[in-house]
């Protein structure tokens, strides 16, 4: 489902990628060549393997050196190429981590599919953001409970007014007890969000509540989420108008269109 909801900008990008990637007789040959190029930090070999525009999908500045080290370590522990028809995926390590770059069979042989990689990378990013949003909502519940223990009321703001403690977060000096909520909900750049999501406290007569929605629907997230003092997360796909719809909510209200998230391993 999420593949169909991928942002238009990503789809436009992958449609223009060069396809002049190297072909191999077997997918194992392709994945072996990729691991070798990565271990040698050989960008020329990567260009041969993936095509001239591989940086548009895998920009070097966006690659975590630690992740590369883990990949190479896991490769040495165990690696295999799983083939399903005309598509193959490299799996490494004892935990079976799958490289988000499929190898596909063409008339000329097996080659890496950057379009498929771009979609898979975006899908995984959305999944990580959605999990982070739900974890943040649980952190909000804990913060409200801590705030209530201090002030015998629930906070109506995320970030406190300067010099006050009327929100869940306020800056502290060294040695002072931390505020119930950390500064992550208040990004340094307005509109940046937290892991691709915006958050807003909802009025609730019986306790407290919060709603979260994607900063950019289909690119940073798909589902919107809601929680209250019961610490149960509900989700709903609000579509392209997620921001407007989420901001129009005047309180915690989950109807049949909102589904409880019973497992947060998406």
Protein backbone atom coordinates (compact mmCIF):
# COMPACT_ATOMS: atom_id res chain seq x y z
CA UNK A 1 0.00 0.00 0.00
CA UNK A 2 2.73 2.44 0.94
CA UNK A 3 4.48 1.97 -2.39
CA UNK A 4 1.37 3.37 -4.05
CA UNK A 5 1.43 6.33 -1.70
CA UNK A 6 5.03 7.30 -2.41
CA UNK A 7 5.59 11.01 -2.86
CA UNK A 8 5.41 12.37 -6.39
CA UNK A 9 8.81 13.96 -6.09
CA UNK A 10 10.44 10.58 -5.45
CA UNK A 11 8.64 8.94 -8.32
CA UNK A 12 9.70 11.75 -10.63
CA UNK A 13 13.27 11.37 -9.49
CA UNK A 14 13.52 7.65 -10.05
CA UNK A 15 11.88 7.91 -13.46
CA UNK A 16 14.82 9.96 -14.68
CA UNK A 17 17.59 7.74 -13.32
CA UNK A 18 20.11 6.31 -15.70
CA UNK A 19 19.72 2.59 -16.29
CA UNK A 20 23.18 1.95 -17.66
CA UNK A 21 24.08 -0.46 -14.86
CA UNK A 22 26.37 -3.46 -15.24
CA UNK A 23 24.80 -6.85 -16.00
CA UNK A 24 25.79 -10.19 -14.47
CA UNK A 25 25.13 -13.83 -15.27
CA UNK A 26 23.80 -14.48 -11.75
CA UNK A 27 22.49 -12.27 -8.92
CA UNK A 28 25.23 -13.64 -6.64
CA UNK A 29 27.85 -12.16 -8.94
CA UNK A 30 26.11 -8.79 -8.71
CA UNK A 31 25.88 -8.77 -4.90
CA UNK A 32 29.48 -9.98 -4.54
CA UNK A 33 30.64 -7.13 -6.76
CA UNK A 34 28.63 -4.62 -4.69
CA UNK A 35 30.09 -5.81 -1.39
CA UNK A 36 33.57 -5.63 -2.87
CA UNK A 37 33.03 -2.06 -4.15
CA UNK A 38 31.70 -0.95 -0.76
CA UNK A 39 34.55 -2.55 1.18
CA UNK A 40 37.09 -0.88 -1.12
CA UNK A 41 35.25 2.49 -1.09
CA UNK A 42 35.45 2.28 -4.86
CA UNK A 43 33.07 4.90 -6.24
CA UNK A 44 34.09 4.15 -9.82
CA UNK A 45 33.06 0.53 -9.34
CA UNK A 46 29.75 1.66 -7.80
CA UNK A 47 29.08 3.81 -10.84
CA UNK A 48 29.72 0.81 -13.08
CA UNK A 49 27.47 -1.39 -10.96
CA UNK A 50 24.61 1.03 -10.39
CA UNK A 51 24.70 3.55 -13.21
CA UNK A 52 25.84 7.14 -13.55
CA UNK A 53 23.16 8.67 -11.31
CA UNK A 54 23.39 6.36 -8.30
CA UNK A 55 24.17 9.33 -6.03
CA UNK A 56 20.65 10.62 -6.54
CA UNK A 57 19.39 7.59 -4.63
CA UNK A 58 22.40 6.92 -2.39
CA UNK A 59 24.10 10.28 -1.74
CA UNK A 60 27.46 9.71 -0.04
CA UNK A 61 26.79 12.48 2.52
CA UNK A 62 23.68 10.63 3.62
CA UNK A 63 25.41 7.31 4.27
CA UNK A 64 26.18 6.55 7.90
CA UNK A 65 29.77 5.24 8.12
CA UNK A 66 28.66 3.12 11.06
CA UNK A 67 25.97 1.52 8.91
CA UNK A 68 28.57 0.69 6.25
CA UNK A 69 30.78 -0.90 8.88
CA UNK A 70 27.86 -2.95 10.19
CA UNK A 71 27.00 -4.08 6.67
CA UNK A 72 30.54 -5.26 5.99
CA UNK A 73 30.73 -6.97 9.39
CA UNK A 74 27.39 -8.73 8.83
CA UNK A 75 28.47 -9.71 5.31
CA UNK A 76 31.44 -11.55 6.77
CA UNK A 77 29.24 -13.30 9.34
CA UNK A 78 26.70 -14.49 6.80
CA UNK A 79 25.32 -13.49 3.42
CA UNK A 80 23.02 -14.99 0.85
CA UNK A 81 21.04 -13.89 -2.17
CA UNK A 82 17.36 -14.75 -1.99
CA UNK A 83 15.78 -15.18 -5.43
CA UNK A 84 12.06 -14.87 -6.08
CA UNK A 85 11.38 -15.19 -9.78
CA UNK A 86 13.10 -12.34 -11.61
CA UNK A 87 13.92 -10.40 -8.42
CA UNK A 88 16.68 -11.10 -5.91
CA UNK A 89 17.67 -9.48 -2.63
CA UNK A 90 20.91 -9.61 -0.67
CA UNK A 91 20.47 -10.68 2.96
CA UNK A 92 23.32 -10.31 5.46
CA UNK A 93 24.03 -11.13 9.10
CA UNK A 94 22.47 -13.52 11.54
CA UNK A 95 19.36 -11.34 11.81
CA UNK A 96 18.67 -11.47 8.08
CA UNK A 97 18.90 -7.75 7.26
CA UNK A 98 17.84 -7.19 3.64
CA UNK A 99 19.65 -4.66 1.49
CA UNK A 100 17.03 -2.21 0.12
CA UNK A 101 18.33 -2.57 -3.41
CA UNK A 102 16.85 -5.40 -5.49
CA UNK A 103 18.67 -7.19 -8.29
CA UNK A 104 16.38 -7.81 -11.26
CA UNK A 105 16.66 -10.11 -14.26
CA UNK A 106 16.57 -8.47 -17.68
CA UNK A 107 17.17 -9.69 -21.20
CA UNK A 108 20.85 -8.80 -20.80
CA UNK A 109 21.28 -10.40 -17.37
CA UNK A 110 20.96 -9.48 -13.70
CA UNK A 111 21.41 -5.84 -12.64
CA UNK A 112 20.67 -3.61 -9.66
CA UNK A 113 17.34 -1.77 -9.82
CA UNK A 114 17.77 1.81 -8.57
CA UNK A 115 14.11 2.65 -9.07
CA UNK A 116 13.15 -0.21 -6.79
CA UNK A 117 15.86 0.88 -4.34
CA UNK A 118 14.54 4.44 -4.18
CA UNK A 119 11.04 3.21 -3.45
CA UNK A 120 12.21 0.72 -0.84
CA UNK A 121 14.42 3.30 0.91
CA UNK A 122 11.53 5.77 1.03
CA UNK A 123 9.15 3.10 2.32
CA UNK A 124 11.57 2.13 5.08
CA UNK A 125 12.05 5.78 6.01
CA UNK A 126 8.30 6.20 6.32
CA UNK A 127 8.14 3.10 8.52
CA UNK A 128 10.90 4.40 10.80
CA UNK A 129 9.21 7.80 11.07
CA UNK A 130 5.86 6.25 11.93
CA UNK A 131 7.43 4.10 14.65
CA UNK A 132 9.26 7.16 16.03
CA UNK A 133 5.99 9.14 16.06
CA UNK A 134 4.26 6.44 18.10
CA UNK A 135 7.18 6.23 20.50
CA UNK A 136 7.03 10.01 20.88
CA UNK A 137 3.33 9.81 21.74
CA UNK A 138 4.07 7.29 24.48
CA UNK A 139 6.79 9.65 25.75
CA UNK A 140 4.19 12.42 25.81
CA UNK A 141 1.93 10.33 28.06
CA UNK A 142 4.84 9.71 30.46
CA UNK A 143 5.68 13.42 30.41
CA UNK A 144 2.11 14.45 31.24
CA UNK A 145 2.05 12.04 34.17
CA UNK A 146 5.35 13.48 35.44
CA UNK A 147 4.04 17.02 34.99
CA UNK A 148 0.89 16.16 36.95
CA UNK A 149 2.99 14.76 39.80
CA UNK A 150 4.80 18.12 40.00
CA UNK A 151 1.95 20.60 39.51
CA UNK A 152 -1.28 18.59 40.04
CA UNK A 153 -2.54 19.52 36.61
CA UNK A 154 -1.89 18.55 33.01
CA UNK A 155 0.12 20.79 30.71
CA UNK A 156 -1.69 22.48 27.83
CA UNK A 157 1.50 23.34 25.97
CA UNK A 158 4.47 21.36 24.70
CA UNK A 159 7.07 24.09 25.16
CA UNK A 160 6.88 26.40 28.16
CA UNK A 161 6.70 30.16 27.91
CA UNK A 162 10.16 31.68 28.42
CA UNK A 163 10.93 31.77 32.12
CA UNK A 164 7.89 29.67 33.05
CA UNK A 165 7.02 26.02 33.52
CA UNK A 166 3.61 26.01 31.88
CA UNK A 167 4.57 23.42 29.26
CA UNK A 168 6.11 19.99 29.25
CA UNK A 169 9.55 21.27 28.27
CA UNK A 170 11.60 24.09 29.72
CA UNK A 171 15.38 24.64 29.58
CA UNK A 172 17.30 23.72 32.70
CA UNK A 173 20.64 24.75 34.15
CA UNK A 174 23.34 22.19 35.02
CA UNK A 175 22.36 20.33 38.17
CA UNK A 176 18.64 21.05 37.84
CA UNK A 177 16.09 18.31 37.40
CA UNK A 178 15.14 17.91 33.72
CA UNK A 179 11.72 18.93 32.45
CA UNK A 180 9.21 16.12 31.86
CA UNK A 181 9.74 16.29 28.10
CA UNK A 182 12.95 16.83 26.15
CA UNK A 183 13.47 19.53 23.50
CA UNK A 184 12.95 17.20 20.51
CA UNK A 185 9.29 18.21 20.14
CA UNK A 186 10.45 21.78 19.51
CA UNK A 187 12.77 21.58 16.46
CA UNK A 188 15.24 24.44 15.93
CA UNK A 189 13.81 25.10 12.48
CA UNK A 190 10.09 26.01 12.45
CA UNK A 191 8.07 23.43 10.54
CA UNK A 192 10.87 20.84 10.57
CA UNK A 193 8.93 18.46 12.79
CA UNK A 194 10.32 15.48 14.68
CA UNK A 195 11.26 12.44 12.60
CA UNK A 196 8.95 13.67 9.84
CA UNK A 197 5.95 14.37 12.09
CA UNK A 198 4.15 17.32 13.66
CA UNK A 199 2.51 17.06 17.09
CA UNK A 200 -0.29 19.01 18.76
CA UNK A 201 -1.88 18.73 22.19
CA UNK A 202 -5.63 18.20 21.99
CA UNK A 203 -8.05 19.52 24.60
CA UNK A 204 -9.52 16.69 26.65
CA UNK A 205 -11.94 17.12 29.56
CA UNK A 206 -11.04 13.86 31.22
CA UNK A 207 -7.28 14.02 30.94
CA UNK A 208 -4.96 14.80 28.03
CA UNK A 209 -4.47 13.84 24.39
CA UNK A 210 -2.24 14.46 21.39
CA UNK A 211 -2.39 14.07 17.62
CA UNK A 212 0.53 13.54 15.23
CA UNK A 213 0.54 13.86 11.44
CA UNK A 214 3.19 13.72 8.69
CA UNK A 215 5.17 16.83 7.82
CA UNK A 216 4.87 15.77 4.17
CA UNK A 217 2.19 13.20 3.46
CA UNK A 218 3.48 10.23 1.45
CA UNK A 219 7.12 11.25 1.88
CA UNK A 220 7.83 11.57 5.63
CA UNK A 221 4.83 9.52 6.70
CA UNK A 222 1.45 8.15 5.68
CA UNK A 223 -0.55 7.45 8.84
CA UNK A 224 -1.69 10.01 11.42
CA UNK A 225 -1.82 9.00 15.10
CA UNK A 226 -3.76 9.93 18.21
CA UNK A 227 -3.31 9.07 21.89
CA UNK A 228 -4.81 9.98 25.25
CA UNK A 229 -4.13 9.25 28.91
CA UNK A 230 -4.97 5.57 28.37
CA UNK A 231 -1.64 5.33 26.48
CA UNK A 232 -3.26 3.62 23.48
CA UNK A 233 -2.23 4.72 20.01
CA UNK A 234 -4.81 4.96 17.23
CA UNK A 235 -4.01 5.46 13.56
CA UNK A 236 -5.81 6.70 10.47
CA UNK A 237 -4.80 7.57 6.93
CA UNK A 238 -6.01 11.15 6.55
CA UNK A 239 -4.80 11.38 2.96
CA UNK A 240 -3.30 14.36 1.19
CA UNK A 241 -5.16 16.74 3.52
CA UNK A 242 -3.59 15.21 6.64
CA UNK A 243 -2.27 18.52 7.95
CA UNK A 244 -5.55 20.39 7.57
CA UNK A 245 -7.64 17.54 8.96
CA UNK A 246 -5.36 16.90 11.94
CA UNK A 247 -5.26 20.57 12.87
CA UNK A 248 -9.05 20.79 12.69
CA UNK A 249 -9.55 18.29 15.53
CA UNK A 250 -10.82 20.03 18.65
CA UNK A 251 -10.40 17.08 21.00
CA UNK A 252 -9.66 13.39 21.32
CA UNK A 253 -12.18 11.67 19.07
CA UNK A 254 -11.56 8.25 17.58
CA UNK A 255 -14.42 6.83 15.53
CA UNK A 256 -14.61 3.65 13.44
CA UNK A 257 -12.16 5.19 10.95
CA UNK A 258 -9.43 5.23 13.59
CA UNK A 259 -7.86 1.85 14.30
CA UNK A 260 -5.98 0.97 17.45
CA UNK A 261 -2.37 0.01 16.86
CA UNK A 262 -2.10 -3.30 18.61
CA UNK A 263 1.47 -3.94 17.45
CA UNK A 264 3.95 -1.18 16.74
CA UNK A 265 6.26 -3.32 14.63
CA UNK A 266 5.08 -1.98 11.29
